[in-house]
């Protein structure tokens, strides 16, 4: 399968346009998304980006959770995305030499913080034994 780099991406929070080689907004740190296109043009990554609810894209990034490692942080980010809440993991785990182990913070835009905390608290209660 051929990997195609988009010409440009945009920030769902501040709207700044970035080159397709960038992954995070240089102004606010949010993950970048594809500009609105047809479904056929977007692909899997674009379909994921379209899950973002605009209500949860405003304000600076705030910490909503800690994860014990990169895998757990990415799992939490996936849960948030399913509810339309964009997130980022800090420190990121990109690149061949990035450590997989070690605490990570999960950050979301300020407007999505309450919804994210509520969702993550619900998931923790639901998965706890007892």
C-alpha atoms as a PDB file:
ATOM      1  CA  UNK A   1       0.000   0.000   0.000  1.00  0.00           C
ATOM      2  CA  UNK A   2       1.412   3.370  -0.997  1.00  0.00           C
ATOM      3  CA  UNK A   3       1.657   6.064   1.684  1.00  0.00           C
ATOM      4  CA  UNK A   4       0.640   9.467   0.337  1.00  0.00           C
ATOM      5  CA  UNK A   5       1.644  12.596   2.261  1.00  0.00           C
ATOM      6  CA  UNK A   6      -1.112  15.232   2.062  1.00  0.00           C
ATOM      7  CA  UNK A   7      -0.260  18.664   0.670  1.00  0.00           C
ATOM      8  CA  UNK A   8      -1.497  20.364   3.814  1.00  0.00           C
ATOM      9  CA  UNK A   9      -3.136  19.694   7.162  1.00  0.00           C
ATOM     10  CA  UNK A  10      -5.017  22.024   9.453  1.00  0.00           C
ATOM     11  CA  UNK A  11      -5.347  22.436  13.187  1.00  0.00           C
ATOM     12  CA  UNK A  12      -8.871  21.615  14.456  1.00  0.00           C
ATOM     13  CA  UNK A  13      -8.344  24.009  17.360  1.00  0.00           C
ATOM     14  CA  UNK A  14      -6.871  27.212  15.911  1.00  0.00           C
ATOM     15  CA  UNK A  15      -7.379  26.587  12.176  1.00  0.00           C
ATOM     16  CA  UNK A  16      -3.750  27.208  11.208  1.00  0.00           C
ATOM     17  CA  UNK A  17      -2.697  25.420   8.002  1.00  0.00           C
ATOM     18  CA  UNK A  18       0.514  23.339   8.106  1.00  0.00           C
ATOM     19  CA  UNK A  19       2.538  21.408   5.526  1.00  0.00           C
ATOM     20  CA  UNK A  20       1.562  17.755   5.131  1.00  0.00           C
ATOM     21  CA  UNK A  21       4.818  16.655   6.755  1.00  0.00           C
ATOM     22  CA  UNK A  22       3.813  18.140  10.138  1.00  0.00           C
ATOM     23  CA  UNK A  23       1.746  16.175  12.668  1.00  0.00           C
ATOM     24  CA  UNK A  24       1.094  18.712  15.455  1.00  0.00           C
ATOM     25  CA  UNK A  25       0.201  22.410  15.439  1.00  0.00           C
ATOM     26  CA  UNK A  26       3.188  24.627  16.191  1.00  0.00           C
ATOM     27  CA  UNK A  27       0.899  27.170  17.892  1.00  0.00           C
ATOM     28  CA  UNK A  28      -1.214  25.024  20.206  1.00  0.00           C
ATOM     29  CA  UNK A  29       0.206  21.484  19.968  1.00  0.00           C
ATOM     30  CA  UNK A  30      -2.996  19.762  18.814  1.00  0.00           C
ATOM     31  CA  UNK A  31      -2.883  16.868  16.313  1.00  0.00           C
ATOM     32  CA  UNK A  32      -3.476  18.121  12.771  1.00  0.00           C
ATOM     33  CA  UNK A  33      -6.347  16.919  10.579  1.00  0.00           C
ATOM     34  CA  UNK A  34      -7.045  16.813   6.869  1.00  0.00           C
ATOM     35  CA  UNK A  35      -9.064  19.703   5.454  1.00  0.00           C
ATOM     36  CA  UNK A  36     -12.605  18.723   4.458  1.00  0.00           C
ATOM     37  CA  UNK A  37     -12.456  16.401   1.426  1.00  0.00           C
ATOM     38  CA  UNK A  38     -14.501  13.616  -0.076  1.00  0.00           C
ATOM     39  CA  UNK A  39     -14.501  10.289   1.767  1.00  0.00           C
ATOM     40  CA  UNK A  40     -12.545   8.621  -1.047  1.00  0.00           C
ATOM     41  CA  UNK A  41      -9.735  11.202  -0.730  1.00  0.00           C
ATOM     42  CA  UNK A  42      -9.367  10.928   3.029  1.00  0.00           C
ATOM     43  CA  UNK A  43      -8.383   7.329   3.866  1.00  0.00           C
ATOM     44  CA  UNK A  44      -8.220   5.747   7.335  1.00  0.00           C
ATOM     45  CA  UNK A  45      -6.283   8.561   9.002  1.00  0.00           C
ATOM     46  CA  UNK A  46      -8.757  11.106   7.693  1.00  0.00           C
ATOM     47  CA  UNK A  47     -11.736   9.065   8.861  1.00  0.00           C
ATOM     48  CA  UNK A  48     -10.213   9.052  12.349  1.00  0.00           C
ATOM     49  CA  UNK A  49      -9.677  12.810  12.191  1.00  0.00           C
ATOM     50  CA  UNK A  50     -13.312  13.328  11.202  1.00  0.00           C
ATOM     51  CA  UNK A  51     -14.389  11.840  14.515  1.00  0.00           C
ATOM     52  CA  UNK A  52     -13.228  15.033  16.243  1.00  0.00           C
ATOM     53  CA  UNK A  53     -16.130  17.073  17.608  1.00  0.00           C
ATOM     54  CA  UNK A  54     -15.521  20.811  17.064  1.00  0.00           C
ATOM     55  CA  UNK A  55     -16.931  21.578  20.538  1.00  0.00           C
ATOM     56  CA  UNK A  56     -13.853  19.910  22.043  1.00  0.00           C
ATOM     57  CA  UNK A  57     -11.166  21.738  20.051  1.00  0.00           C
ATOM     58  CA  UNK A  58     -10.971  25.121  21.787  1.00  0.00           C
ATOM     59  CA  UNK A  59      -8.378  26.391  24.217  1.00  0.00           C
ATOM     60  CA  UNK A  60      -4.918  25.374  25.324  1.00  0.00           C
ATOM     61  CA  UNK A  61      -4.000  21.749  25.939  1.00  0.00           C
ATOM     62  CA  UNK A  62      -4.661  20.566  29.509  1.00  0.00           C
ATOM     63  CA  UNK A  63      -3.715  17.324  31.231  1.00  0.00           C
ATOM     64  CA  UNK A  64      -6.631  14.961  31.884  1.00  0.00           C
ATOM     65  CA  UNK A  65      -4.862  11.695  32.699  1.00  0.00           C
ATOM     66  CA  UNK A  66      -1.591   9.921  33.273  1.00  0.00           C
ATOM     67  CA  UNK A  67      -0.728   6.582  31.717  1.00  0.00           C
ATOM     68  CA  UNK A  68       1.898   4.117  32.913  1.00  0.00           C
ATOM     69  CA  UNK A  69       3.328   3.686  29.395  1.00  0.00           C
ATOM     70  CA  UNK A  70       2.848   4.554  25.732  1.00  0.00           C
ATOM     71  CA  UNK A  71       0.445   1.689  25.047  1.00  0.00           C
ATOM     72  CA  UNK A  72      -1.901   2.731  27.838  1.00  0.00           C
ATOM     73  CA  UNK A  73      -1.695   6.390  26.752  1.00  0.00           C
ATOM     74  CA  UNK A  74      -2.589   5.485  23.167  1.00  0.00           C
ATOM     75  CA  UNK A  75      -5.488   3.361  24.433  1.00  0.00           C
ATOM     76  CA  UNK A  76      -6.837   6.343  26.407  1.00  0.00           C
ATOM     77  CA  UNK A  77      -6.392   8.601  23.377  1.00  0.00           C
ATOM     78  CA  UNK A  78      -8.395   6.101  21.310  1.00  0.00           C
ATOM     79  CA  UNK A  79     -11.216   6.086  23.881  1.00  0.00           C
ATOM     80  CA  UNK A  80     -11.321   9.864  23.811  1.00  0.00           C
ATOM     81  CA  UNK A  81     -11.358   9.993  20.013  1.00  0.00           C
ATOM     82  CA  UNK A  82     -14.342   7.636  19.905  1.00  0.00           C
ATOM     83  CA  UNK A  83     -16.249  10.329  21.821  1.00  0.00           C
ATOM     84  CA  UNK A  84     -14.982  13.096  19.529  1.00  0.00           C
ATOM     85  CA  UNK A  85     -12.351  14.439  21.921  1.00  0.00           C
ATOM     86  CA  UNK A  86      -8.967  15.066  20.258  1.00  0.00           C
ATOM     87  CA  UNK A  87      -5.930  14.371  22.393  1.00  0.00           C
ATOM     88  CA  UNK A  88      -2.189  14.156  22.358  1.00  0.00           C
ATOM     89  CA  UNK A  89       0.257  12.080  24.364  1.00  0.00           C
ATOM     90  CA  UNK A  90       3.217  13.754  26.053  1.00  0.00           C
ATOM     91  CA  UNK A  91       5.982  12.919  25.744  1.00  0.00           C
ATOM     92  CA  UNK A  92       5.145  11.480  22.327  1.00  0.00           C
ATOM     93  CA  UNK A  93       6.324   8.005  21.413  1.00  0.00           C
ATOM     94  CA  UNK A  94       7.259   8.577  17.789  1.00  0.00           C
ATOM     95  CA  UNK A  95      10.401   7.413  16.078  1.00  0.00           C
ATOM     96  CA  UNK A  96      12.400   4.212  16.190  1.00  0.00           C
ATOM     97  CA  UNK A  97      14.329   5.169  19.327  1.00  0.00           C
ATOM     98  CA  UNK A  98      11.437   6.455  21.420  1.00  0.00           C
ATOM     99  CA  UNK A  99      11.043   4.523  24.653  1.00  0.00           C
ATOM    100  CA  UNK A 100       7.801   2.601  25.021  1.00  0.00           C
ATOM    101  CA  UNK A 101       7.949   2.523  28.795  1.00  0.00           C
ATOM    102  CA  UNK A 102       7.571   5.471  31.121  1.00  0.00           C
ATOM    103  CA  UNK A 103       4.755   7.682  32.301  1.00  0.00           C
ATOM    104  CA  UNK A 104       2.848   9.688  29.713  1.00  0.00           C
ATOM    105  CA  UNK A 105       0.373  12.526  30.120  1.00  0.00           C
ATOM    106  CA  UNK A 106      -2.775  12.631  28.000  1.00  0.00           C
ATOM    107  CA  UNK A 107      -3.694  16.188  27.001  1.00  0.00           C
ATOM    108  CA  UNK A 108      -6.879  17.566  25.436  1.00  0.00           C
ATOM    109  CA  UNK A 109      -8.072  21.061  24.465  1.00  0.00           C
ATOM    110  CA  UNK A 110      -9.503  22.944  27.422  1.00  0.00           C
ATOM    111  CA  UNK A 111     -13.070  22.807  26.027  1.00  0.00           C
ATOM    112  CA  UNK A 112     -12.941  18.994  26.064  1.00  0.00           C
ATOM    113  CA  UNK A 113     -11.344  18.574  29.490  1.00  0.00           C
ATOM    114  CA  UNK A 114     -14.529  18.059  31.517  1.00  0.00           C
ATOM    115  CA  UNK A 115     -15.966  15.586  29.004  1.00  0.00           C
ATOM    116  CA  UNK A 116     -12.638  13.715  28.863  1.00  0.00           C
ATOM    117  CA  UNK A 117     -12.328  13.482  32.650  1.00  0.00           C
ATOM    118  CA  UNK A 118     -15.922  12.277  32.928  1.00  0.00           C
ATOM    119  CA  UNK A 119     -15.407   9.639  30.220  1.00  0.00           C
ATOM    120  CA  UNK A 120     -12.127   8.391  31.682  1.00  0.00           C
ATOM    121  CA  UNK A 121     -13.598   8.239  35.207  1.00  0.00           C
ATOM    122  CA  UNK A 122     -16.558   6.240  33.855  1.00  0.00           C
ATOM    123  CA  UNK A 123     -14.241   3.815  32.041  1.00  0.00           C
ATOM    124  CA  UNK A 124     -12.153   3.357  35.184  1.00  0.00           C
ATOM    125  CA  UNK A 125     -15.259   2.620  37.302  1.00  0.00           C
ATOM    126  CA  UNK A 126     -16.587   0.253  34.636  1.00  0.00           C
ATOM    127  CA  UNK A 127     -13.376  -1.743  34.379  1.00  0.00           C
ATOM    128  CA  UNK A 128     -12.631  -1.915  38.108  1.00  0.00           C
ATOM    129  CA  UNK A 129     -13.360  -5.270  39.752  1.00  0.00           C
ATOM    130  CA  UNK A 130     -15.990  -5.338  42.371  1.00  0.00           C
END
